[in-house]
């Protein structure tokens, strides 16, 4: 795919945003949302190059920088996470 641009565009005072995605993570996410909630989309187009363009509710657009300090886990939570990851890797065959 030659185009690697991702875009969110909206006009102040409107209730919708136009989004264009070329990265697979966001393409998969917007496709899933479209399957589940077609009525919330004004339009959805999958382009020949694999990118997608859609008009979605503006309230779906968020800027979330996450926590400044990061996630704090107890030793028990860390161990439980290690076990879950190990089990998931066994299922998929990855190391």
N, C-alpha and C. Protein backbone atom coordinates (compact mmCIF):
# COMPACT_ATOMS: atom_id res chain seq x y z
N UNK A 1 0.85 -1.16 0.00
CA UNK A 1 0.00 0.00 0.00
C UNK A 1 0.90 1.23 0.00
N UNK A 2 0.75 2.05 -1.02
CA UNK A 2 1.58 3.25 -1.14
C UNK A 2 1.18 4.33 -0.14
N UNK A 3 -0.11 4.52 0.04
CA UNK A 3 -0.60 5.56 0.94
C UNK A 3 -0.52 5.07 2.38
N UNK A 4 0.10 5.83 3.25
CA UNK A 4 0.19 5.44 4.65
C UNK A 4 -0.41 6.50 5.56
N UNK A 5 -1.25 7.35 4.98
CA UNK A 5 -1.84 8.45 5.74
C UNK A 5 -3.13 8.00 6.45
N UNK A 6 -3.27 8.38 7.69
CA UNK A 6 -4.49 8.16 8.47
C UNK A 6 -5.01 9.53 8.85
N UNK A 7 -6.34 9.69 8.83
CA UNK A 7 -6.89 11.02 8.99
C UNK A 7 -8.20 10.98 9.75
N UNK A 8 -8.37 11.97 10.62
CA UNK A 8 -9.65 12.25 11.28
C UNK A 8 -9.95 13.70 10.99
N UNK A 9 -11.12 13.96 10.41
CA UNK A 9 -11.46 15.32 10.01
C UNK A 9 -12.89 15.63 10.40
N UNK A 10 -13.10 16.80 10.98
CA UNK A 10 -14.46 17.24 11.29
C UNK A 10 -14.51 18.75 11.29
N UNK A 11 -15.70 19.25 11.10
CA UNK A 11 -15.93 20.69 11.10
C UNK A 11 -16.58 21.07 12.42
N UNK A 12 -16.07 22.10 13.06
CA UNK A 12 -16.63 22.56 14.34
C UNK A 12 -18.13 22.78 14.19
N UNK A 13 -18.87 22.33 15.19
CA UNK A 13 -20.32 22.49 15.19
C UNK A 13 -21.08 21.35 14.56
N UNK A 14 -20.36 20.38 13.97
CA UNK A 14 -21.03 19.22 13.38
C UNK A 14 -20.99 18.05 14.35
N UNK A 15 -21.75 17.03 14.07
CA UNK A 15 -21.81 15.86 14.95
C UNK A 15 -21.15 14.63 14.35
N UNK A 16 -20.50 14.79 13.20
CA UNK A 16 -19.84 13.66 12.57
C UNK A 16 -18.39 13.99 12.24
N UNK A 17 -17.61 12.94 12.08
CA UNK A 17 -16.20 13.06 11.68
C UNK A 17 -15.97 12.09 10.53
N UNK A 18 -15.15 12.51 9.59
CA UNK A 18 -14.75 11.62 8.50
C UNK A 18 -13.39 11.05 8.87
N UNK A 19 -13.27 9.73 8.80
CA UNK A 19 -12.00 9.07 9.14
C UNK A 19 -11.52 8.25 7.95
N UNK A 20 -10.23 8.25 7.75
CA UNK A 20 -9.60 7.42 6.73
C UNK A 20 -8.43 6.70 7.41
N UNK A 21 -8.40 5.39 7.24
CA UNK A 21 -7.33 4.59 7.87
C UNK A 21 -6.65 3.72 6.84
N UNK A 22 -5.31 3.66 6.94
CA UNK A 22 -4.51 2.75 6.12
C UNK A 22 -3.79 1.72 6.97
N UNK A 23 -3.71 1.97 8.29
CA UNK A 23 -3.04 0.98 9.13
C UNK A 23 -4.04 -0.10 9.57
N UNK A 24 -3.57 -1.34 9.59
CA UNK A 24 -4.45 -2.49 9.77
C UNK A 24 -5.19 -2.48 11.10
N UNK A 25 -4.55 -2.02 12.15
CA UNK A 25 -5.20 -1.99 13.47
C UNK A 25 -6.50 -1.19 13.42
N UNK A 26 -6.44 -0.01 12.85
CA UNK A 26 -7.62 0.85 12.80
C UNK A 26 -8.62 0.38 11.74
N UNK A 27 -8.13 -0.20 10.64
CA UNK A 27 -9.02 -0.77 9.63
C UNK A 27 -9.86 -1.87 10.26
N UNK A 28 -9.21 -2.77 10.98
CA UNK A 28 -9.95 -3.87 11.62
C UNK A 28 -10.97 -3.34 12.62
N UNK A 29 -10.58 -2.34 13.39
CA UNK A 29 -11.47 -1.78 14.41
C UNK A 29 -12.70 -1.12 13.79
N UNK A 30 -12.50 -0.32 12.74
CA UNK A 30 -13.62 0.39 12.13
C UNK A 30 -14.53 -0.59 11.38
N UNK A 31 -13.95 -1.65 10.77
CA UNK A 31 -14.77 -2.68 10.12
C UNK A 31 -15.65 -3.40 11.14
N UNK A 32 -15.08 -3.74 12.28
CA UNK A 32 -15.85 -4.41 13.33
C UNK A 32 -16.99 -3.52 13.82
N UNK A 33 -16.68 -2.24 14.05
CA UNK A 33 -17.72 -1.31 14.47
C UNK A 33 -18.82 -1.20 13.41
N UNK A 34 -18.42 -1.19 12.15
CA UNK A 34 -19.41 -1.09 11.07
C UNK A 34 -20.32 -2.32 11.05
N UNK A 35 -19.76 -3.50 11.25
CA UNK A 35 -20.57 -4.72 11.30
C UNK A 35 -21.57 -4.68 12.45
N UNK A 36 -21.13 -4.16 13.59
CA UNK A 36 -21.97 -4.14 14.79
C UNK A 36 -22.97 -2.98 14.81
N UNK A 37 -22.61 -1.86 14.17
CA UNK A 37 -23.41 -0.63 14.36
C UNK A 37 -23.57 0.15 13.05
N UNK A 38 -24.00 -0.50 11.99
CA UNK A 38 -24.13 0.14 10.67
C UNK A 38 -24.98 1.41 10.72
N UNK A 39 -26.00 1.43 11.55
CA UNK A 39 -26.90 2.58 11.61
C UNK A 39 -26.21 3.84 12.15
N UNK A 40 -25.09 3.68 12.87
CA UNK A 40 -24.37 4.83 13.40
C UNK A 40 -23.45 5.48 12.37
N UNK A 41 -23.21 4.79 11.25
CA UNK A 41 -22.33 5.30 10.20
C UNK A 41 -23.15 6.04 9.15
N UNK A 42 -22.65 7.18 8.70
CA UNK A 42 -23.27 7.90 7.58
C UNK A 42 -22.87 7.20 6.27
N UNK A 43 -21.61 6.74 6.21
CA UNK A 43 -21.17 5.90 5.11
C UNK A 43 -19.91 5.15 5.52
N UNK A 44 -19.62 4.08 4.76
CA UNK A 44 -18.42 3.27 4.97
C UNK A 44 -17.98 2.78 3.60
N UNK A 45 -16.71 3.03 3.25
CA UNK A 45 -16.17 2.62 1.96
C UNK A 45 -14.84 1.92 2.18
N UNK A 46 -14.72 0.74 1.57
CA UNK A 46 -13.43 0.05 1.57
C UNK A 46 -12.81 0.28 0.19
N UNK A 47 -11.67 0.92 0.15
CA UNK A 47 -11.02 1.30 -1.10
C UNK A 47 -10.24 0.14 -1.72
N UNK A 48 -9.98 0.20 -3.03
CA UNK A 48 -9.24 -0.88 -3.71
C UNK A 48 -7.86 -1.16 -3.10
N UNK A 49 -7.24 -0.14 -2.50
CA UNK A 49 -5.91 -0.34 -1.90
C UNK A 49 -5.97 -0.94 -0.49
N UNK A 50 -7.19 -1.20 0.01
CA UNK A 50 -7.34 -1.80 1.35
C UNK A 50 -7.65 -0.79 2.43
N UNK A 51 -7.47 0.49 2.16
CA UNK A 51 -7.79 1.51 3.16
C UNK A 51 -9.31 1.64 3.28
N UNK A 52 -9.74 2.28 4.36
CA UNK A 52 -11.18 2.50 4.56
C UNK A 52 -11.44 3.98 4.84
N UNK A 53 -12.64 4.41 4.46
CA UNK A 53 -13.08 5.77 4.73
C UNK A 53 -14.50 5.66 5.27
N UNK A 54 -14.79 6.39 6.35
CA UNK A 54 -16.11 6.31 6.95
C UNK A 54 -16.47 7.64 7.60
N UNK A 55 -17.76 7.87 7.72
CA UNK A 55 -18.25 9.03 8.46
C UNK A 55 -18.92 8.48 9.71
N UNK A 56 -18.38 8.87 10.88
CA UNK A 56 -18.80 8.32 12.16
C UNK A 56 -19.25 9.43 13.10
N UNK A 57 -19.95 9.08 14.18
CA UNK A 57 -20.30 10.11 15.16
C UNK A 57 -19.05 10.74 15.77
N UNK A 58 -19.06 12.05 15.89
CA UNK A 58 -17.91 12.78 16.43
C UNK A 58 -17.60 12.34 17.86
N UNK A 59 -18.62 11.96 18.63
CA UNK A 59 -18.38 11.55 20.02
C UNK A 59 -17.52 10.29 20.12
N UNK A 60 -17.34 9.57 19.01
CA UNK A 60 -16.45 8.41 19.02
C UNK A 60 -14.98 8.81 18.98
N UNK A 61 -14.68 10.01 18.59
CA UNK A 61 -13.29 10.48 18.47
C UNK A 61 -12.81 10.94 19.84
N UNK A 62 -11.76 10.34 20.33
CA UNK A 62 -11.21 10.67 21.65
C UNK A 62 -9.69 10.79 21.57
N UNK A 63 -9.16 11.68 22.38
CA UNK A 63 -7.71 11.76 22.56
C UNK A 63 -7.45 11.30 23.98
N UNK A 64 -6.77 10.17 24.10
CA UNK A 64 -6.55 9.56 25.41
C UNK A 64 -5.06 9.28 25.59
N UNK A 65 -4.35 10.15 26.30
CA UNK A 65 -2.92 9.95 26.46
C UNK A 65 -2.55 8.83 27.44
N UNK A 66 -3.51 8.30 28.17
CA UNK A 66 -3.20 7.25 29.14
C UNK A 66 -2.62 7.84 30.41
N UNK A 67 -2.24 6.97 31.30
CA UNK A 67 -1.72 7.38 32.59
C UNK A 67 -0.27 7.85 32.46
N UNK A 68 0.07 8.89 33.19
CA UNK A 68 1.44 9.38 33.20
C UNK A 68 2.38 8.41 33.91
N UNK A 69 1.87 7.75 34.94
CA UNK A 69 2.72 6.87 35.73
C UNK A 69 2.72 5.44 35.20
N UNK A 70 1.83 5.11 34.30
CA UNK A 70 1.76 3.75 33.80
C UNK A 70 0.93 2.87 34.71
N UNK A 71 0.80 1.63 34.34
CA UNK A 71 -0.02 0.70 35.10
C UNK A 71 0.78 0.15 36.27
N UNK A 72 0.21 0.21 37.45
CA UNK A 72 0.86 -0.32 38.64
C UNK A 72 0.16 -1.62 39.01
N UNK A 73 0.96 -2.71 39.07
CA UNK A 73 0.39 -4.03 39.36
C UNK A 73 1.07 -4.63 40.59
N UNK A 74 0.30 -5.36 41.36
CA UNK A 74 0.87 -6.09 42.49
C UNK A 74 1.62 -7.29 41.94
N UNK A 75 2.42 -7.93 42.77
CA UNK A 75 3.15 -9.13 42.34
C UNK A 75 2.18 -10.23 41.93
N UNK A 76 1.06 -10.34 42.64
CA UNK A 76 0.05 -11.36 42.30
C UNK A 76 -0.54 -11.08 40.92
N UNK A 77 -0.82 -9.82 40.62
CA UNK A 77 -1.37 -9.47 39.32
C UNK A 77 -0.35 -9.73 38.21
N UNK A 78 0.92 -9.44 38.50
CA UNK A 78 1.97 -9.70 37.51
C UNK A 78 2.09 -11.19 37.22
N UNK A 79 2.04 -12.01 38.26
CA UNK A 79 2.12 -13.46 38.07
C UNK A 79 0.92 -13.98 37.28
N UNK A 80 -0.27 -13.48 37.61
CA UNK A 80 -1.47 -13.90 36.88
C UNK A 80 -1.36 -13.50 35.40
N UNK A 81 -0.80 -12.34 35.13
CA UNK A 81 -0.62 -11.89 33.75
C UNK A 81 0.39 -12.78 33.02
N UNK A 82 1.47 -13.16 33.71
CA UNK A 82 2.47 -14.06 33.11
C UNK A 82 1.84 -15.38 32.73
N UNK A 83 1.00 -15.91 33.61
CA UNK A 83 0.34 -17.20 33.36
C UNK A 83 -0.61 -17.08 32.17
N UNK A 84 -1.40 -16.00 32.12
CA UNK A 84 -2.33 -15.80 31.00
C UNK A 84 -1.57 -15.71 29.68
N UNK A 85 -0.46 -14.97 29.68
CA UNK A 85 0.34 -14.82 28.47
C UNK A 85 0.93 -16.16 28.05
N UNK A 86 1.45 -16.92 28.99
CA UNK A 86 2.02 -18.23 28.68
C UNK A 86 0.95 -19.15 28.09
N UNK A 87 -0.24 -19.15 28.67
CA UNK A 87 -1.33 -19.98 28.16
C UNK A 87 -1.76 -19.55 26.76
N UNK A 88 -1.81 -18.25 26.53
CA UNK A 88 -2.18 -17.75 25.20
C UNK A 88 -1.14 -18.14 24.17
N UNK A 89 0.13 -18.07 24.56
CA UNK A 89 1.19 -18.44 23.62
C UNK A 89 1.15 -19.95 23.30
N UNK A 90 0.80 -20.76 24.28
CA UNK A 90 0.67 -22.20 24.03
C UNK A 90 -0.44 -22.47 23.00
N UNK A 91 -1.55 -21.75 23.14
CA UNK A 91 -2.68 -21.93 22.23
C UNK A 91 -2.34 -21.54 20.80
N UNK A 92 -1.56 -20.47 20.63
CA UNK A 92 -1.23 -20.00 19.28
C UNK A 92 0.06 -20.60 18.75
N UNK A 93 0.81 -21.26 19.59
CA UNK A 93 2.05 -21.88 19.16
C UNK A 93 3.23 -20.92 19.10
N UNK A 94 3.08 -19.75 19.66
CA UNK A 94 4.17 -18.77 19.65
C UNK A 94 5.00 -18.90 20.91
N UNK A 95 6.25 -18.37 20.84
CA UNK A 95 7.15 -18.44 21.98
C UNK A 95 7.18 -17.14 22.71
